[in-house]
Every structure is written in C-alpha cells, then in structure tokens.
Amino acid sequence: MKIGLTLSGGGVRGAAHIGLIRALLEANIVPDRLVGVSAGAIVASMYCLGLSPDEMMTQVLRSSLVKLIKVGFPTTGLTKLDYLKERLAVFHPNNDFKDLRYPLHIGITNLSTGQLELHHEGPLHDILAASCSIPFVFKPVIINGVHYVDGGVIKNMPVSPLINEADFIIGSNLMPYDHLPPADVGSVINIVWRCFDLSIMANTVPSAELCDIVVEAPRINDYNIFNLARLQELHDLGYTATKARIPEILTALEQKRELLEEIGRA
C-alpha cells in the first residue's frame, strides 16, 4: 500500500513534523509519497533524502535564526534566504530531485499568476527557498525570471499530487483552527499577521477533508513560528500527538487495505 504524507508550513513548528515521522516509522508506517510546503517542504526533503529523525533534528538544531534573518533593505521583504540554501547544501549538495528516495512535490506561489505550483523537478534548493519565502519577512525567490513566495499563501497543506498516487493519505497540519491564542490587535503589524495566519488556516480546511488522517498537535498554536529555542519541545509535541493516534491510524490503514482488496476482487 502506498502511503502519502503532506506536511504543512508553519515556521519552526516544522520540528513537530519530525516527531510525527519518528512515531510513524516506529509503528512501521512508512510514507513513500510526499508533499510539502515551507517548513514541511524542508522536512519532507530531508526524509526523502533518507535522513533519520535524529539526523533531521541535528540539522535543524544547528540552524541559526540570526544568520537566517539577515536584515536588508525592507522593500519587498526583510532578507534573502541565502543561509537556508547554505544549510540545504550541507545535506543535499547535488541540488536535484533525482537524488530523492521517494517522490516529492513542493508547493510554491507564483506572484505573477497568483497560482500554487507543485514542483517535483528542477533546482531543489531554489524551490525549497521559494516555498519558505514568508511574505513580509523574506524576499521573493526568482526562478527562471518569475517571482515566487511561500506556497502556504494559496494552500498550506496540498494534497492533489497524492490523490492518484497514494492509497492512504496522512496530513500533518501545523496551523490548525483549534485552540487559537487570543488575538493581539494592538498594532497594525499584529493585525496583518493575524489575518495572514487566519487565511492560511482557512485554506488548509479543504485539503484536510481529502486526507484519511490529519494530525494536529494540541497547543501547537501557542508556539511562535520563529522561536528556534523550542525546537525540541515542538518535536516532542508532534511525536506525542502522533503516538497517541497510532492505533487509529493502523486501524484506518487496515480498513483501507481491505477495501482496496475488495475492489480488486470485484
């Protein structure tokens, strides 16, 4: 049975995806079709390259927010994503989708057309950087003369590449509607960020309905998407939430397997 996994964006909350993958692998649930946006695209690419959860955590714990956010002239965003590309080159020097162990699609937003594009070939590092280019924070990434930003602007947890390629789809959503912290509307920038977050949360709902299982760790909205100091906590949050649902996931997998067998006999 082919198992699809779609990993949403959510900044440093992406460490929770690593915890989710750890719990799945411990239960011998091995995703082999991946889709990712922003932080989810980074984790998905590391997984597809064959990194273990321990190796993934080593890479993210070595990250530096100071180096990531090199404040520049704030006309189209605060900074370029050069440091991210440098980190990507450490564990993936060849910069090619062909090196991946499993098929991977990465979501990026085309600013010219206003459309989500799901890429599975091309310059992997540039596409990953574009998928992580959060508006208002990072400059758009230019690929073949086109400006791209975070895929989450249009769809934060894409599922479409998995519909016909996977028998069972698991979603990991880092920006759920549930348990939203109180809104801070004391400044214009806070209002802008709140509206941005709500828009992303809303565009995830249709995708979640297409998944067989969606994991949303409790209290994850309490974690700031830029706080690198809490990566281990976020990993543990994702692990615990997924571990608790392993029996449910295994039951759903078995039911889907039986259904497919029944259809095959018909």
C-alpha atoms as a PDB file:
ATOM      1  CA  MET A   1       0.000   0.000   0.000  1.00  0.00           C
ATOM      2  CA  LYS A   2       1.323   3.417  -0.977  1.00  0.00           C
ATOM      3  CA  ILE A   3       1.198   5.911   1.871  1.00  0.00           C
ATOM      4  CA  GLY A   4       1.124   9.615   1.118  1.00  0.00           C
ATOM      5  CA  LEU A   5       2.182  12.287   3.602  1.00  0.00           C
ATOM      6  CA  THR A   6       1.535  16.007   3.225  1.00  0.00           C
ATOM      7  CA  LEU A   7       3.405  18.347   5.578  1.00  0.00           C
ATOM      8  CA  SER A   8       2.092  21.862   6.067  1.00  0.00           C
ATOM      9  CA  GLY A   9       4.023  25.066   6.549  1.00  0.00           C
ATOM     10  CA  GLY A  10       4.400  26.652   9.960  1.00  0.00           C
ATOM     11  CA  GLY A  11       7.916  28.001  10.502  1.00  0.00           C
ATOM     12  CA  VAL A  12       9.927  26.362  13.279  1.00  0.00           C
ATOM     13  CA  ARG A  13       6.842  24.343  14.177  1.00  0.00           C
ATOM     14  CA  GLY A  14       8.145  22.095  11.383  1.00  0.00           C
ATOM     15  CA  ALA A  15      10.107  20.243  14.079  1.00  0.00           C
ATOM     16  CA  ALA A  16       6.747  18.698  15.022  1.00  0.00           C
ATOM     17  CA  HIS A  17       6.727  17.042  11.580  1.00  0.00           C
ATOM     18  CA  ILE A  18       9.957  15.271  12.532  1.00  0.00           C
ATOM     19  CA  GLY A  19       8.314  13.966  15.697  1.00  0.00           C
ATOM     20  CA  LEU A  20       5.365  12.758  13.625  1.00  0.00           C
ATOM     21  CA  ILE A  21       7.651  10.927  11.207  1.00  0.00           C
ATOM     22  CA  ARG A  22       9.501   9.329  14.122  1.00  0.00           C
ATOM     23  CA  ALA A  23       6.254   7.987  15.572  1.00  0.00           C
ATOM     24  CA  LEU A  24       5.092   6.681  12.182  1.00  0.00           C
ATOM     25  CA  LEU A  25       8.364   4.878  11.477  1.00  0.00           C
ATOM     26  CA  GLU A  26       8.391   3.297  14.934  1.00  0.00           C
ATOM     27  CA  ALA A  27       4.990   1.821  14.056  1.00  0.00           C
ATOM     28  CA  ASN A  28       6.338   0.575  10.687  1.00  0.00           C
ATOM     29  CA  ILE A  29       4.197   3.115   8.849  1.00  0.00           C
ATOM     30  CA  VAL A  30       6.497   4.280   6.045  1.00  0.00           C
ATOM     31  CA  PRO A  31       5.288   7.175   3.865  1.00  0.00           C
ATOM     32  CA  ASP A  32       6.566   6.842   0.292  1.00  0.00           C
ATOM     33  CA  ARG A  33       4.842   9.768  -1.440  1.00  0.00           C
ATOM     34  CA  LEU A  34       5.462  13.247  -0.013  1.00  0.00           C
ATOM     35  CA  VAL A  35       4.129  16.777  -0.457  1.00  0.00           C
ATOM     36  CA  GLY A  36       5.475  19.731   1.499  1.00  0.00           C
ATOM     37  CA  VAL A  37       5.131  23.476   1.854  1.00  0.00           C
ATOM     38  CA  SER A  38       7.595  25.809   3.593  1.00  0.00           C
ATOM     39  CA  ALA A  39       8.898  24.096   6.757  1.00  0.00           C
ATOM     40  CA  GLY A  40       7.019  20.990   5.662  1.00  0.00           C
ATOM     41  CA  ALA A  41       8.944  21.013   2.377  1.00  0.00           C
ATOM     42  CA  ILE A  42      12.265  21.111   4.238  1.00  0.00           C
ATOM     43  CA  VAL A  43      11.334  18.185   6.480  1.00  0.00           C
ATOM     44  CA  ALA A  44       9.890  16.252   3.531  1.00  0.00           C
ATOM     45  CA  SER A  45      13.072  16.778   1.510  1.00  0.00           C
ATOM     46  CA  MET A  46      15.271  15.565   4.382  1.00  0.00           C
ATOM     47  CA  TYR A  47      13.080  12.496   4.786  1.00  0.00           C
ATOM     48  CA  CYS A  48      13.112  11.802   1.044  1.00  0.00           C
ATOM     49  CA  LEU A  49      16.915  12.030   1.089  1.00  0.00           C
ATOM     50  CA  GLY A  50      16.996   9.231   3.645  1.00  0.00           C
ATOM     51  CA  LEU A  51      17.808  11.207   6.802  1.00  0.00           C
ATOM     52  CA  SER A  52      16.621   9.617  10.032  1.00  0.00           C
ATOM     53  CA  PRO A  53      14.583  11.657  12.537  1.00  0.00           C
ATOM     54  CA  ASP A  54      17.733  12.003  14.666  1.00  0.00           C
ATOM     55  CA  GLU A  55      19.686  13.314  11.672  1.00  0.00           C
ATOM     56  CA  MET A  56      16.882  15.722  10.793  1.00  0.00           C
ATOM     57  CA  MET A  57      16.863  17.130  14.325  1.00  0.00           C
ATOM     58  CA  THR A  58      20.626  17.538  14.221  1.00  0.00           C
ATOM     59  CA  GLN A  59      20.287  19.657  11.091  1.00  0.00           C
ATOM     60  CA  VAL A  60      17.516  21.892  12.411  1.00  0.00           C
ATOM     61  CA  LEU A  61      19.149  22.348  15.818  1.00  0.00           C
ATOM     62  CA  ARG A  62      22.262  23.633  14.064  1.00  0.00           C
ATOM     63  CA  SER A  63      20.247  26.360  12.354  1.00  0.00           C
ATOM     64  CA  SER A  64      20.795  29.973  13.342  1.00  0.00           C
ATOM     65  CA  LEU A  65      17.948  32.482  13.259  1.00  0.00           C
ATOM     66  CA  VAL A  66      20.498  35.281  13.393  1.00  0.00           C
ATOM     67  CA  LYS A  67      22.087  34.055  10.164  1.00  0.00           C
ATOM     68  CA  LEU A  68      18.733  33.186   8.599  1.00  0.00           C
ATOM     69  CA  ILE A  69      17.313  36.667   9.084  1.00  0.00           C
ATOM     70  CA  LYS A  70      19.994  38.957   7.679  1.00  0.00           C
ATOM     71  CA  VAL A  71      18.011  42.184   7.706  1.00  0.00           C
ATOM     72  CA  GLY A  72      18.312  44.036   4.447  1.00  0.00           C
ATOM     73  CA  PHE A  73      16.532  46.978   2.860  1.00  0.00           C
ATOM     74  CA  PRO A  74      12.848  46.225   3.625  1.00  0.00           C
ATOM     75  CA  THR A  75      11.181  46.963   0.300  1.00  0.00           C
ATOM     76  CA  THR A  76       9.987  43.509  -0.724  1.00  0.00           C
ATOM     77  CA  GLY A  77      10.892  41.653   2.460  1.00  0.00           C
ATOM     78  CA  LEU A  78      13.468  41.700   5.185  1.00  0.00           C
ATOM     79  CA  THR A  79      16.025  39.281   3.856  1.00  0.00           C
ATOM     80  CA  LYS A  80      17.081  36.801   1.236  1.00  0.00           C
ATOM     81  CA  LEU A  81      17.191  33.102   2.028  1.00  0.00           C
ATOM     82  CA  ASP A  82      20.875  32.575   1.218  1.00  0.00           C
ATOM     83  CA  TYR A  83      21.621  30.982   4.592  1.00  0.00           C
ATOM     84  CA  LEU A  84      18.812  28.472   4.087  1.00  0.00           C
ATOM     85  CA  LYS A  85      20.358  27.450   0.780  1.00  0.00           C
ATOM     86  CA  GLU A  86      23.719  27.075   2.515  1.00  0.00           C
ATOM     87  CA  ARG A  87      22.161  24.739   5.093  1.00  0.00           C
ATOM     88  CA  LEU A  88      20.382  22.742   2.382  1.00  0.00           C
ATOM     89  CA  ALA A  89      23.680  22.243   0.557  1.00  0.00           C
ATOM     90  CA  VAL A  90      25.143  20.585   3.668  1.00  0.00           C
ATOM     91  CA  PHE A  91      22.886  17.539   3.481  1.00  0.00           C
ATOM     92  CA  HIS A  92      21.970  17.751  -0.211  1.00  0.00           C
ATOM     93  CA  PRO A  93      24.916  19.058  -2.257  1.00  0.00           C
ATOM     94  CA  ASN A  94      23.608  17.886  -5.658  1.00  0.00           C
ATOM     95  CA  ASN A  95      20.530  20.150  -5.653  1.00  0.00           C
ATOM     96  CA  ASP A  96      18.380  17.756  -7.679  1.00  0.00           C
ATOM     97  CA  PHE A  97      15.048  15.999  -7.121  1.00  0.00           C
ATOM     98  CA  LYS A  98      16.545  12.939  -8.796  1.00  0.00           C
ATOM     99  CA  ASP A  99      18.557  12.166  -5.659  1.00  0.00           C
ATOM    100  CA  LEU A 100      15.438  11.698  -3.560  1.00  0.00           C
ATOM    101  CA  ARG A 101      14.452   8.272  -2.301  1.00  0.00           C
ATOM    102  CA  TYR A 102      10.716   8.990  -2.634  1.00  0.00           C
ATOM    103  CA  PRO A 103       8.660  11.196  -4.979  1.00  0.00           C
ATOM    104  CA  LEU A 104       8.293  14.723  -3.582  1.00  0.00           C
ATOM    105  CA  HIS A 105       6.176  17.706  -4.627  1.00  0.00           C
ATOM    106  CA  ILE A 106       6.880  21.159  -3.187  1.00  0.00           C
ATOM    107  CA  GLY A 107       4.275  23.923  -3.184  1.00  0.00           C
ATOM    108  CA  ILE A 108       5.252  27.491  -4.160  1.00  0.00           C
ATOM    109  CA  THR A 109       3.143  30.546  -5.002  1.00  0.00           C
ATOM    110  CA  ASN A 110       3.640  32.286  -8.354  1.00  0.00           C
ATOM    111  CA  LEU A 111       3.212  36.008  -7.640  1.00  0.00           C
ATOM    112  CA  SER A 112       2.500  36.809 -11.299  1.00  0.00           C
ATOM    113  CA  THR A 113      -0.289  34.299 -11.862  1.00  0.00           C
ATOM    114  CA  GLY A 114      -1.494  34.035  -8.266  1.00  0.00           C
ATOM    115  CA  GLN A 115      -1.440  30.251  -8.604  1.00  0.00           C
ATOM    116  CA  LEU A 116       0.013  27.479  -6.482  1.00  0.00           C
ATOM    117  CA  GLU A 117       2.612  25.459  -8.359  1.00  0.00           C
ATOM    118  CA  LEU A 118       3.621  21.988  -7.212  1.00  0.00           C
ATOM    119  CA  HIS A 119       7.154  21.191  -8.375  1.00  0.00           C
ATOM    120  CA  HIS A 120       8.749  17.751  -8.479  1.00  0.00           C
ATOM    121  CA  GLU A 121      11.763  18.585 -10.633  1.00  0.00           C
ATOM    122  CA  GLY A 122      14.146  21.487 -11.153  1.00  0.00           C
ATOM    123  CA  PRO A 123      16.600  23.300  -8.827  1.00  0.00           C
ATOM    124  CA  LEU A 124      15.567  21.822  -5.486  1.00  0.00           C
ATOM    125  CA  HIS A 125      17.313  24.409  -3.286  1.00  0.00           C
ATOM    126  CA  ASP A 126      15.715  27.371  -5.051  1.00  0.00           C
ATOM    127  CA  ILE A 127      12.285  25.730  -4.983  1.00  0.00           C
ATOM    128  CA  LEU A 128      12.648  24.946  -1.273  1.00  0.00           C
ATOM    129  CA  ALA A 129      13.726  28.532  -0.570  1.00  0.00           C
ATOM    130  CA  ALA A 130      10.743  29.857  -2.540  1.00  0.00           C
ATOM    131  CA  SER A 131       8.409  27.616  -0.558  1.00  0.00           C
ATOM    132  CA  CYS A 132       9.831  29.104   2.667  1.00  0.00           C
ATOM    133  CA  SER A 133       9.666  32.730   1.487  1.00  0.00           C
ATOM    134  CA  ILE A 134       7.114  34.039   4.001  1.00  0.00           C
ATOM    135  CA  PRO A 135       5.674  37.369   2.761  1.00  0.00           C
ATOM    136  CA  PHE A 136       6.653  40.443   4.789  1.00  0.00           C
ATOM    137  CA  VAL A 137       9.695  38.568   6.137  1.00  0.00           C
ATOM    138  CA  PHE A 138      11.657  37.169   3.181  1.00  0.00           C
ATOM    139  CA  LYS A 139      12.236  38.462  -0.316  1.00  0.00           C
ATOM    140  CA  PRO A 140      10.558  36.525  -3.139  1.00  0.00           C
ATOM    141  CA  VAL A 141      12.765  33.932  -4.808  1.00  0.00           C
ATOM    142  CA  ILE A 142      13.295  34.342  -8.543  1.00  0.00           C
ATOM    143  CA  ILE A 143      13.243  31.143 -10.605  1.00  0.00           C
ATOM    144  CA  ASN A 144      13.511  31.456 -14.395  1.00  0.00           C
ATOM    145  CA  GLY A 145      12.580  35.122 -14.135  1.00  0.00           C
ATOM    146  CA  VAL A 146       9.430  34.501 -12.085  1.00  0.00           C
ATOM    147  CA  HIS A 147       8.929  35.706  -8.501  1.00  0.00           C
ATOM    148  CA  TYR A 148       7.777  33.067  -6.013  1.00  0.00           C
ATOM    149  CA  VAL A 149       6.804  33.082  -2.334  1.00  0.00           C
ATOM    150  CA  ASP A 150       5.589  30.636   0.302  1.00  0.00           C
ATOM    151  CA  GLY A 151       3.179  28.056  -1.096  1.00  0.00           C
ATOM    152  CA  GLY A 152       1.095  28.398   2.047  1.00  0.00           C
ATOM    153  CA  VAL A 153      -0.281  31.700   0.764  1.00  0.00           C
ATOM    154  CA  ILE A 154      -2.537  29.672  -1.553  1.00  0.00           C
ATOM    155  CA  LYS A 155      -2.626  26.212   0.038  1.00  0.00           C
ATOM    156  CA  ASN A 156      -0.669  25.370   3.174  1.00  0.00           C
ATOM    157  CA  MET A 157      -1.175  21.598   3.045  1.00  0.00           C
ATOM    158  CA  PRO A 158      -1.576  20.494  -0.588  1.00  0.00           C
ATOM    159  CA  VAL A 159      -2.968  17.047  -1.273  1.00  0.00           C
ATOM    160  CA  SER A 160      -3.629  16.932  -5.024  1.00  0.00           C
ATOM    161  CA  PRO A 161      -0.391  15.119  -6.045  1.00  0.00           C
ATOM    162  CA  LEU A 162      -1.295  12.297  -3.658  1.00  0.00           C
ATOM    163  CA  ILE A 163      -4.894  11.712  -4.764  1.00  0.00           C
ATOM    164  CA  ASN A 164      -3.992   9.350  -7.595  1.00  0.00           C
ATOM    165  CA  GLU A 165      -0.559   8.306  -6.333  1.00  0.00           C
ATOM    166  CA  ALA A 166      -1.264   7.142  -2.773  1.00  0.00           C
ATOM    167  CA  ASP A 167      -3.742   4.661  -1.318  1.00  0.00           C
ATOM    168  CA  PHE A 168      -3.770   6.316   2.105  1.00  0.00           C
ATOM    169  CA  ILE A 169      -3.084   9.982   2.889  1.00  0.00           C
ATOM    170  CA  ILE A 170      -1.839  11.382   6.191  1.00  0.00           C
ATOM    171  CA  GLY A 171      -1.776  15.129   6.770  1.00  0.00           C
ATOM    172  CA  SER A 172       0.317  16.945   9.367  1.00  0.00           C
ATOM    173  CA  ASN A 173      -1.119  20.409   9.985  1.00  0.00           C
ATOM    174  CA  LEU A 174       0.956  22.929  11.949  1.00  0.00           C
ATOM    175  CA  MET A 175      -1.625  25.732  11.809  1.00  0.00           C
ATOM    176  CA  PRO A 176      -4.984  24.369  12.972  1.00  0.00           C
ATOM    177  CA  TYR A 177      -8.025  26.476  13.772  1.00  0.00           C
ATOM    178  CA  ASP A 178      -8.476  24.762  17.135  1.00  0.00           C
ATOM    179  CA  HIS A 179      -7.191  26.402  20.313  1.00  0.00           C
ATOM    180  CA  LEU A 180      -6.238  29.733  18.777  1.00  0.00           C
ATOM    181  CA  PRO A 181      -4.471  32.012  21.275  1.00  0.00           C
ATOM    182  CA  PRO A 182      -6.152  35.380  21.936  1.00  0.00           C
ATOM    183  CA  ALA A 183      -5.607  37.894  19.143  1.00  0.00           C
ATOM    184  CA  ASP A 184      -3.200  40.759  19.804  1.00  0.00           C
ATOM    185  CA  VAL A 185      -4.683  43.645  17.818  1.00  0.00           C
ATOM    186  CA  GLY A 186      -2.726  46.425  19.479  1.00  0.00           C
ATOM    187  CA  SER A 187      -0.784  47.336  16.343  1.00  0.00           C
ATOM    188  CA  VAL A 188      -1.192  47.296  12.577  1.00  0.00           C
ATOM    189  CA  ILE A 189       1.512  44.668  12.105  1.00  0.00           C
ATOM    190  CA  ASN A 190      -0.153  42.350  14.636  1.00  0.00           C
ATOM    191  CA  ILE A 191      -3.452  42.694  12.798  1.00  0.00           C
ATOM    192  CA  VAL A 192      -1.734  41.940   9.486  1.00  0.00           C
ATOM    193  CA  TRP A 193      -0.092  38.813  10.927  1.00  0.00           C
ATOM    194  CA  ARG A 194      -3.342  37.649  12.499  1.00  0.00           C
ATOM    195  CA  CYS A 195      -5.180  37.998   9.186  1.00  0.00           C
ATOM    196  CA  PHE A 196      -2.328  36.195   7.399  1.00  0.00           C
ATOM    197  CA  ASP A 197      -2.480  33.309   9.881  1.00  0.00           C
ATOM    198  CA  LEU A 198      -6.272  33.039   9.607  1.00  0.00           C
ATOM    199  CA  SER A 199      -6.072  32.981   5.815  1.00  0.00           C
ATOM    200  CA  ILE A 200      -3.557  30.140   5.909  1.00  0.00           C
ATOM    201  CA  MET A 201      -5.622  28.208   8.441  1.00  0.00           C
ATOM    202  CA  ALA A 202      -8.712  28.592   6.255  1.00  0.00           C
ATOM    203  CA  ASN A 203      -7.034  27.424   3.044  1.00  0.00           C
ATOM    204  CA  THR A 204      -5.983  24.202   4.798  1.00  0.00           C
ATOM    205  CA  VAL A 205      -9.527  23.039   5.550  1.00  0.00           C
ATOM    206  CA  PRO A 206     -10.389  21.710   2.044  1.00  0.00           C
ATOM    207  CA  SER A 207      -7.114  19.752   1.931  1.00  0.00           C
ATOM    208  CA  ALA A 208      -7.687  18.250   5.364  1.00  0.00           C
ATOM    209  CA  GLU A 209     -11.020  16.884   4.172  1.00  0.00           C
ATOM    210  CA  LEU A 210      -9.205  14.910   1.456  1.00  0.00           C
ATOM    211  CA  CYS A 211      -6.881  13.163   3.921  1.00  0.00           C
ATOM    212  CA  ASP A 212      -7.614   9.839   5.595  1.00  0.00           C
ATOM    213  CA  ILE A 213      -5.988  11.084   8.816  1.00  0.00           C
ATOM    214  CA  VAL A 214      -4.906  14.584   9.873  1.00  0.00           C
ATOM    215  CA  VAL A 215      -2.626  15.051  12.874  1.00  0.00           C
ATOM    216  CA  GLU A 216      -2.794  18.413  14.653  1.00  0.00           C
ATOM    217  CA  ALA A 217      -0.733  18.583  17.833  1.00  0.00           C
ATOM    218  CA  PRO A 218      -2.543  20.185  20.795  1.00  0.00           C
ATOM    219  CA  ARG A 219      -1.302  23.645  21.804  1.00  0.00           C
ATOM    220  CA  ILE A 220       0.901  23.992  18.728  1.00  0.00           C
ATOM    221  CA  ASN A 221      -0.610  27.417  18.026  1.00  0.00           C
ATOM    222  CA  ASP A 222       0.971  28.607  21.276  1.00  0.00           C
ATOM    223  CA  TYR A 223       4.427  28.368  19.684  1.00  0.00           C
ATOM    224  CA  ASN A 224       5.779  31.334  17.727  1.00  0.00           C
ATOM    225  CA  ILE A 225       6.762  30.269  14.210  1.00  0.00           C
ATOM    226  CA  PHE A 226      10.194  31.951  14.560  1.00  0.00           C
ATOM    227  CA  ASN A 227      11.218  30.715  18.020  1.00  0.00           C
ATOM    228  CA  LEU A 228      14.130  28.362  17.358  1.00  0.00           C
ATOM    229  CA  ALA A 229      14.732  27.924  21.094  1.00  0.00           C
ATOM    230  CA  ARG A 230      11.808  25.494  21.395  1.00  0.00           C
ATOM    231  CA  LEU A 231      12.563  23.077  18.556  1.00  0.00           C
ATOM    232  CA  GLN A 232      12.924  20.040  20.820  1.00  0.00           C
ATOM    233  CA  GLU A 233       9.617  20.827  22.530  1.00  0.00           C
ATOM    234  CA  LEU A 234       7.932  21.050  19.143  1.00  0.00           C
ATOM    235  CA  HIS A 235       9.441  17.739  18.034  1.00  0.00           C
ATOM    236  CA  ASP A 236       8.154  16.106  21.220  1.00  0.00           C
ATOM    237  CA  LEU A 237       4.730  17.675  20.743  1.00  0.00           C
ATOM    238  CA  GLY A 238       4.444  16.179  17.257  1.00  0.00           C
ATOM    239  CA  TYR A 239       5.739  12.820  18.431  1.00  0.00           C
ATOM    240  CA  THR A 240       3.337  12.578  21.373  1.00  0.00           C
ATOM    241  CA  ALA A 241       0.314  13.654  19.324  1.00  0.00           C
ATOM    242  CA  THR A 242       1.079  11.103  16.606  1.00  0.00           C
ATOM    243  CA  LYS A 243       1.967   8.306  19.017  1.00  0.00           C
ATOM    244  CA  ALA A 244      -1.439   8.686  20.653  1.00  0.00           C
ATOM    245  CA  ARG A 245      -3.128   8.214  17.286  1.00  0.00           C
ATOM    246  CA  ILE A 246      -1.091   5.249  16.029  1.00  0.00           C
ATOM    247  CA  PRO A 247      -3.830   2.698  16.897  1.00  0.00           C
ATOM    248  CA  GLU A 248      -6.357   4.808  14.983  1.00  0.00           C
ATOM    249  CA  ILE A 249      -4.000   5.141  12.014  1.00  0.00           C
ATOM    250  CA  LEU A 250      -3.262   1.410  11.932  1.00  0.00           C
ATOM    251  CA  THR A 251      -6.972   0.603  12.033  1.00  0.00           C
ATOM    252  CA  ALA A 252      -7.705   3.057   9.225  1.00  0.00           C
ATOM    253  CA  LEU A 253      -4.852   1.601   7.166  1.00  0.00           C
ATOM    254  CA  GLU A 254      -6.189  -1.919   7.601  1.00  0.00           C
ATOM    255  CA  GLN A 255      -9.698  -0.822   6.645  1.00  0.00           C
ATOM    256  CA  LYS A 256      -8.386   0.895   3.522  1.00  0.00           C
ATOM    257  CA  ARG A 257      -6.320  -2.201   2.644  1.00  0.00           C
ATOM    258  CA  GLU A 258      -9.388  -4.424   2.957  1.00  0.00           C
ATOM    259  CA  LEU A 259     -11.421  -2.006   0.847  1.00  0.00           C
ATOM    260  CA  LEU A 260      -8.812  -1.992  -1.896  1.00  0.00           C
ATOM    261  CA  GLU A 261      -8.643  -5.785  -1.853  1.00  0.00           C
ATOM    262  CA  GLU A 262     -12.420  -5.976  -2.113  1.00  0.00           C
ATOM    263  CA  ILE A 263     -12.411  -3.569  -5.060  1.00  0.00           C
ATOM    264  CA  GLY A 264      -9.667  -5.658  -6.676  1.00  0.00           C
ATOM    265  CA  ARG A 265     -11.806  -8.791  -6.386  1.00  0.00           C
ATOM    266  CA  ALA A 266     -14.905  -7.111  -7.807  1.00  0.00           C
END
